[in-house]
Amino acid sequence: MKLKYLALTSLVVLYSLMVIGGYISAAGLGLTCPDWPLCPNGILPNDEYFIEWSHRLIAATTGVLVIATAVGSWITAGSHWRIRTTGTLAGIFVVTQIALGAVVIDTKLHALMVSIHFGIGILLFAMVLLTTLFAFRLKPKSIQTTV
């Protein structure tokens, strides 16, 4: 039953990512790091790039967690087709989001691309939320012994 905690962690980290992304957008910091995937100065940026860099770091962490949850939804014994479907869609959406994040930077925050990025983010959140709800509804298989 570790899948439910993995899914819940994915949900919490994804929500944090969305909050930070909203802040970055509202504060006009979307092009603070003009390159993708890393900011100038490489893996560890200076203070000037920290907020945008933290968004990208949390995005990478979210990607790993969501993909792990998607894989877990398939390999967990007794998982229903619903959890496999929502987990798989979440995996597809997270990869799409990462690609769209690069496009948003490359197109210098083109309004249409930012809107699509936001819309897919909402779909991703919905799929991770459903996956988490379904994971908490999984019942452990009863252990049967033969004597």
C-alpha atoms as a PDB file:
ATOM      1  CA  MET A   1       0.000   0.000   0.000  1.00  0.00           C
ATOM      2  CA  LYS A   2       2.916   2.340  -0.548  1.00  0.00           C
ATOM      3  CA  LEU A   3       1.225   3.569  -3.726  1.00  0.00           C
ATOM      4  CA  LYS A   4      -1.186   5.747  -1.782  1.00  0.00           C
ATOM      5  CA  TYR A   5       1.635   7.603  -0.037  1.00  0.00           C
ATOM      6  CA  LEU A   6       3.558   8.009  -3.285  1.00  0.00           C
ATOM      7  CA  ALA A   7       0.427   9.394  -4.949  1.00  0.00           C
ATOM      8  CA  LEU A   8      -0.235  11.722  -2.020  1.00  0.00           C
ATOM      9  CA  THR A   9       3.346  12.995  -2.084  1.00  0.00           C
ATOM     10  CA  SER A  10       3.006  13.597  -5.831  1.00  0.00           C
ATOM     11  CA  LEU A  11      -0.172  15.569  -5.218  1.00  0.00           C
ATOM     12  CA  VAL A  12       1.333  17.773  -2.504  1.00  0.00           C
ATOM     13  CA  VAL A  13       4.512  18.490  -4.481  1.00  0.00           C
ATOM     14  CA  LEU A  14       2.451  19.184  -7.629  1.00  0.00           C
ATOM     15  CA  TYR A  15       0.265  21.622  -5.718  1.00  0.00           C
ATOM     16  CA  SER A  16       3.382  23.389  -4.419  1.00  0.00           C
ATOM     17  CA  LEU A  17       4.688  23.589  -7.970  1.00  0.00           C
ATOM     18  CA  MET A  18       1.448  25.167  -9.159  1.00  0.00           C
ATOM     19  CA  VAL A  19       1.532  27.763  -6.355  1.00  0.00           C
ATOM     20  CA  ILE A  20       5.126  28.702  -7.156  1.00  0.00           C
ATOM     21  CA  GLY A  21       4.298  28.786 -10.884  1.00  0.00           C
ATOM     22  CA  GLY A  22       1.395  31.127 -10.203  1.00  0.00           C
ATOM     23  CA  TYR A  23       3.649  33.387  -8.159  1.00  0.00           C
ATOM     24  CA  ILE A  24       6.285  33.448 -10.882  1.00  0.00           C
ATOM     25  CA  SER A  25       3.681  34.313 -13.494  1.00  0.00           C
ATOM     26  CA  ALA A  26       1.995  37.022 -11.411  1.00  0.00           C
ATOM     27  CA  ALA A  27       5.320  38.576 -10.382  1.00  0.00           C
ATOM     28  CA  GLY A  28       6.544  38.716 -13.984  1.00  0.00           C
ATOM     29  CA  LEU A  29       9.492  36.443 -13.256  1.00  0.00           C
ATOM     30  CA  GLY A  30       8.793  33.914 -16.008  1.00  0.00           C
ATOM     31  CA  LEU A  31      11.865  34.797 -18.047  1.00  0.00           C
ATOM     32  CA  THR A  32      14.251  35.253 -15.136  1.00  0.00           C
ATOM     33  CA  CYS A  33      16.101  32.189 -16.446  1.00  0.00           C
ATOM     34  CA  PRO A  34      16.173  32.776 -20.203  1.00  0.00           C
ATOM     35  CA  ASP A  35      17.581  29.320 -20.985  1.00  0.00           C
ATOM     36  CA  TRP A  36      15.994  25.936 -20.514  1.00  0.00           C
ATOM     37  CA  PRO A  37      16.413  23.626 -18.623  1.00  0.00           C
ATOM     38  CA  LEU A  38      19.165  25.280 -16.576  1.00  0.00           C
ATOM     39  CA  CYS A  39      19.614  28.887 -15.593  1.00  0.00           C
ATOM     40  CA  PRO A  40      22.838  30.784 -16.279  1.00  0.00           C
ATOM     41  CA  ASN A  41      25.598  29.658 -13.906  1.00  0.00           C
ATOM     42  CA  GLY A  42      24.584  26.000 -14.316  1.00  0.00           C
ATOM     43  CA  ILE A  43      22.975  23.738 -11.762  1.00  0.00           C
ATOM     44  CA  LEU A  44      23.279  26.047  -8.753  1.00  0.00           C
ATOM     45  CA  PRO A  45      22.253  29.588  -9.704  1.00  0.00           C
ATOM     46  CA  ASN A  46      22.866  32.782  -7.811  1.00  0.00           C
ATOM     47  CA  ASP A  47      20.125  34.728  -5.994  1.00  0.00           C
ATOM     48  CA  GLU A  48      18.960  36.454  -9.166  1.00  0.00           C
ATOM     49  CA  TYR A  49      17.681  33.173 -10.629  1.00  0.00           C
ATOM     50  CA  PHE A  50      16.642  31.365  -7.459  1.00  0.00           C
ATOM     51  CA  ILE A  51      12.830  31.615  -7.710  1.00  0.00           C
ATOM     52  CA  GLU A  52      12.609  30.417 -11.311  1.00  0.00           C
ATOM     53  CA  TRP A  53      15.272  27.789 -10.633  1.00  0.00           C
ATOM     54  CA  SER A  54      13.287  26.476  -7.646  1.00  0.00           C
ATOM     55  CA  HIS A  55      10.215  26.160  -9.895  1.00  0.00           C
ATOM     56  CA  ARG A  56      12.226  24.062 -12.331  1.00  0.00           C
ATOM     57  CA  LEU A  57      13.712  21.929  -9.554  1.00  0.00           C
ATOM     58  CA  ILE A  58      10.274  21.243  -8.085  1.00  0.00           C
ATOM     59  CA  ALA A  59       8.980  20.526 -11.611  1.00  0.00           C
ATOM     60  CA  ALA A  60      11.688  17.906 -12.099  1.00  0.00           C
ATOM     61  CA  THR A  61      10.873  16.373  -8.713  1.00  0.00           C
ATOM     62  CA  THR A  62       7.178  16.374  -9.583  1.00  0.00           C
ATOM     63  CA  GLY A  63       7.921  14.671 -12.885  1.00  0.00           C
ATOM     64  CA  VAL A  64       9.804  11.855 -11.177  1.00  0.00           C
ATOM     65  CA  LEU A  65       7.078  11.405  -8.544  1.00  0.00           C
ATOM     66  CA  VAL A  66       4.216  11.385 -11.050  1.00  0.00           C
ATOM     67  CA  ILE A  67       5.986   8.912 -13.360  1.00  0.00           C
ATOM     68  CA  ALA A  68       6.758   6.690 -10.346  1.00  0.00           C
ATOM     69  CA  THR A  69       3.093   6.864  -9.334  1.00  0.00           C
ATOM     70  CA  ALA A  70       2.008   5.948 -12.868  1.00  0.00           C
ATOM     71  CA  VAL A  71       4.332   2.945 -12.871  1.00  0.00           C
ATOM     72  CA  GLY A  72       3.155   2.035  -9.373  1.00  0.00           C
ATOM     73  CA  SER A  73      -0.462   2.090 -10.485  1.00  0.00           C
ATOM     74  CA  TRP A  74       0.343  -0.660 -12.986  1.00  0.00           C
ATOM     75  CA  ILE A  75       2.502  -2.863 -10.778  1.00  0.00           C
ATOM     76  CA  THR A  76       0.424  -2.691  -7.602  1.00  0.00           C
ATOM     77  CA  ALA A  77      -1.545  -5.867  -7.100  1.00  0.00           C
ATOM     78  CA  GLY A  78      -5.284  -5.342  -7.104  1.00  0.00           C
ATOM     79  CA  SER A  79      -5.225  -1.930  -8.751  1.00  0.00           C
ATOM     80  CA  HIS A  80      -8.394  -1.138 -10.652  1.00  0.00           C
ATOM     81  CA  TRP A  81      -8.480   0.051 -14.274  1.00  0.00           C
ATOM     82  CA  ARG A  82      -9.471   3.512 -13.014  1.00  0.00           C
ATOM     83  CA  ILE A  83      -6.245   4.030 -11.084  1.00  0.00           C
ATOM     84  CA  ARG A  84      -4.232   2.711 -14.015  1.00  0.00           C
ATOM     85  CA  THR A  85      -6.026   5.091 -16.382  1.00  0.00           C
ATOM     86  CA  THR A  86      -5.646   8.193 -14.221  1.00  0.00           C
ATOM     87  CA  GLY A  87      -2.055   7.290 -13.342  1.00  0.00           C
ATOM     88  CA  THR A  88      -1.160   6.810 -17.001  1.00  0.00           C
ATOM     89  CA  LEU A  89      -2.862  10.067 -18.014  1.00  0.00           C
ATOM     90  CA  ALA A  90      -0.988  11.861 -15.225  1.00  0.00           C
ATOM     91  CA  GLY A  91       2.276  10.450 -16.571  1.00  0.00           C
ATOM     92  CA  ILE A  92       1.430  11.638 -20.079  1.00  0.00           C
ATOM     93  CA  PHE A  93       0.384  15.066 -18.829  1.00  0.00           C
ATOM     94  CA  VAL A  94       3.532  15.560 -16.735  1.00  0.00           C
ATOM     95  CA  VAL A  95       5.764  14.819 -19.727  1.00  0.00           C
ATOM     96  CA  THR A  96       3.618  17.204 -21.784  1.00  0.00           C
ATOM     97  CA  GLN A  97       3.982  19.869 -19.091  1.00  0.00           C
ATOM     98  CA  ILE A  98       7.746  19.586 -19.063  1.00  0.00           C
ATOM     99  CA  ALA A  99       7.860  19.956 -22.849  1.00  0.00           C
ATOM    100  CA  LEU A 100       5.420  22.883 -22.713  1.00  0.00           C
ATOM    101  CA  GLY A 101       7.548  24.548 -20.037  1.00  0.00           C
ATOM    102  CA  ALA A 102      10.446  24.531 -22.484  1.00  0.00           C
ATOM    103  CA  VAL A 103       8.227  25.897 -25.266  1.00  0.00           C
ATOM    104  CA  VAL A 104       6.916  28.656 -22.981  1.00  0.00           C
ATOM    105  CA  ILE A 105      10.493  29.794 -22.311  1.00  0.00           C
ATOM    106  CA  ASP A 106      11.528  29.448 -25.977  1.00  0.00           C
ATOM    107  CA  THR A 107       8.533  31.511 -27.158  1.00  0.00           C
ATOM    108  CA  LYS A 108       9.251  34.194 -24.527  1.00  0.00           C
ATOM    109  CA  LEU A 109       6.016  33.624 -22.597  1.00  0.00           C
ATOM    110  CA  HIS A 110       3.693  33.667 -25.582  1.00  0.00           C
ATOM    111  CA  ALA A 111       0.198  34.073 -24.088  1.00  0.00           C
ATOM    112  CA  LEU A 112      -1.286  31.088 -25.933  1.00  0.00           C
ATOM    113  CA  MET A 113       1.532  28.777 -24.809  1.00  0.00           C
ATOM    114  CA  VAL A 114       1.285  29.993 -21.211  1.00  0.00           C
ATOM    115  CA  SER A 115      -2.480  29.346 -21.295  1.00  0.00           C
ATOM    116  CA  ILE A 116      -2.026  25.844 -22.692  1.00  0.00           C
ATOM    117  CA  HIS A 117       0.651  25.161 -20.061  1.00  0.00           C
ATOM    118  CA  PHE A 118      -1.784  26.267 -17.357  1.00  0.00           C
ATOM    119  CA  GLY A 119      -4.649  24.212 -18.807  1.00  0.00           C
ATOM    120  CA  ILE A 120      -2.612  21.014 -19.011  1.00  0.00           C
ATOM    121  CA  GLY A 121      -1.445  21.727 -15.455  1.00  0.00           C
ATOM    122  CA  ILE A 122      -5.048  21.670 -14.276  1.00  0.00           C
ATOM    123  CA  LEU A 123      -5.652  18.373 -16.094  1.00  0.00           C
ATOM    124  CA  LEU A 124      -2.476  16.984 -14.529  1.00  0.00           C
ATOM    125  CA  PHE A 125      -3.611  18.038 -11.069  1.00  0.00           C
ATOM    126  CA  ALA A 126      -7.026  16.419 -11.637  1.00  0.00           C
ATOM    127  CA  MET A 127      -5.448  13.118 -12.722  1.00  0.00           C
ATOM    128  CA  VAL A 128      -3.017  13.051  -9.784  1.00  0.00           C
ATOM    129  CA  LEU A 129      -5.870  13.875  -7.405  1.00  0.00           C
ATOM    130  CA  LEU A 130      -8.019  11.058  -8.821  1.00  0.00           C
ATOM    131  CA  THR A 131      -5.077   8.657  -8.728  1.00  0.00           C
ATOM    132  CA  THR A 132      -4.525   9.546  -5.073  1.00  0.00           C
ATOM    133  CA  LEU A 133      -8.204   9.066  -4.225  1.00  0.00           C
ATOM    134  CA  PHE A 134      -8.302   5.714  -6.020  1.00  0.00           C
ATOM    135  CA  ALA A 135      -5.071   4.613  -4.313  1.00  0.00           C
ATOM    136  CA  PHE A 136      -6.539   5.287  -0.885  1.00  0.00           C
ATOM    137  CA  ARG A 137      -9.534   3.144  -1.824  1.00  0.00           C
ATOM    138  CA  LEU A 138      -7.385   0.109  -2.702  1.00  0.00           C
ATOM    139  CA  LYS A 139      -7.999  -2.737  -0.343  1.00  0.00           C
ATOM    140  CA  PRO A 140      -5.149  -5.025   0.590  1.00  0.00           C
ATOM    141  CA  LYS A 141      -5.678  -8.534  -0.690  1.00  0.00           C
ATOM    142  CA  SER A 142      -6.581 -10.968   2.020  1.00  0.00           C
ATOM    143  CA  ILE A 143      -3.883 -13.435   2.877  1.00  0.00           C
ATOM    144  CA  GLN A 144      -5.036 -16.966   2.371  1.00  0.00           C
ATOM    145  CA  THR A 145      -3.161 -19.835   3.870  1.00  0.00           C
ATOM    146  CA  THR A 146      -3.452 -23.478   3.077  1.00  0.00           C
ATOM    147  CA  VAL A 147      -2.780 -26.054   5.697  1.00  0.00           C
END
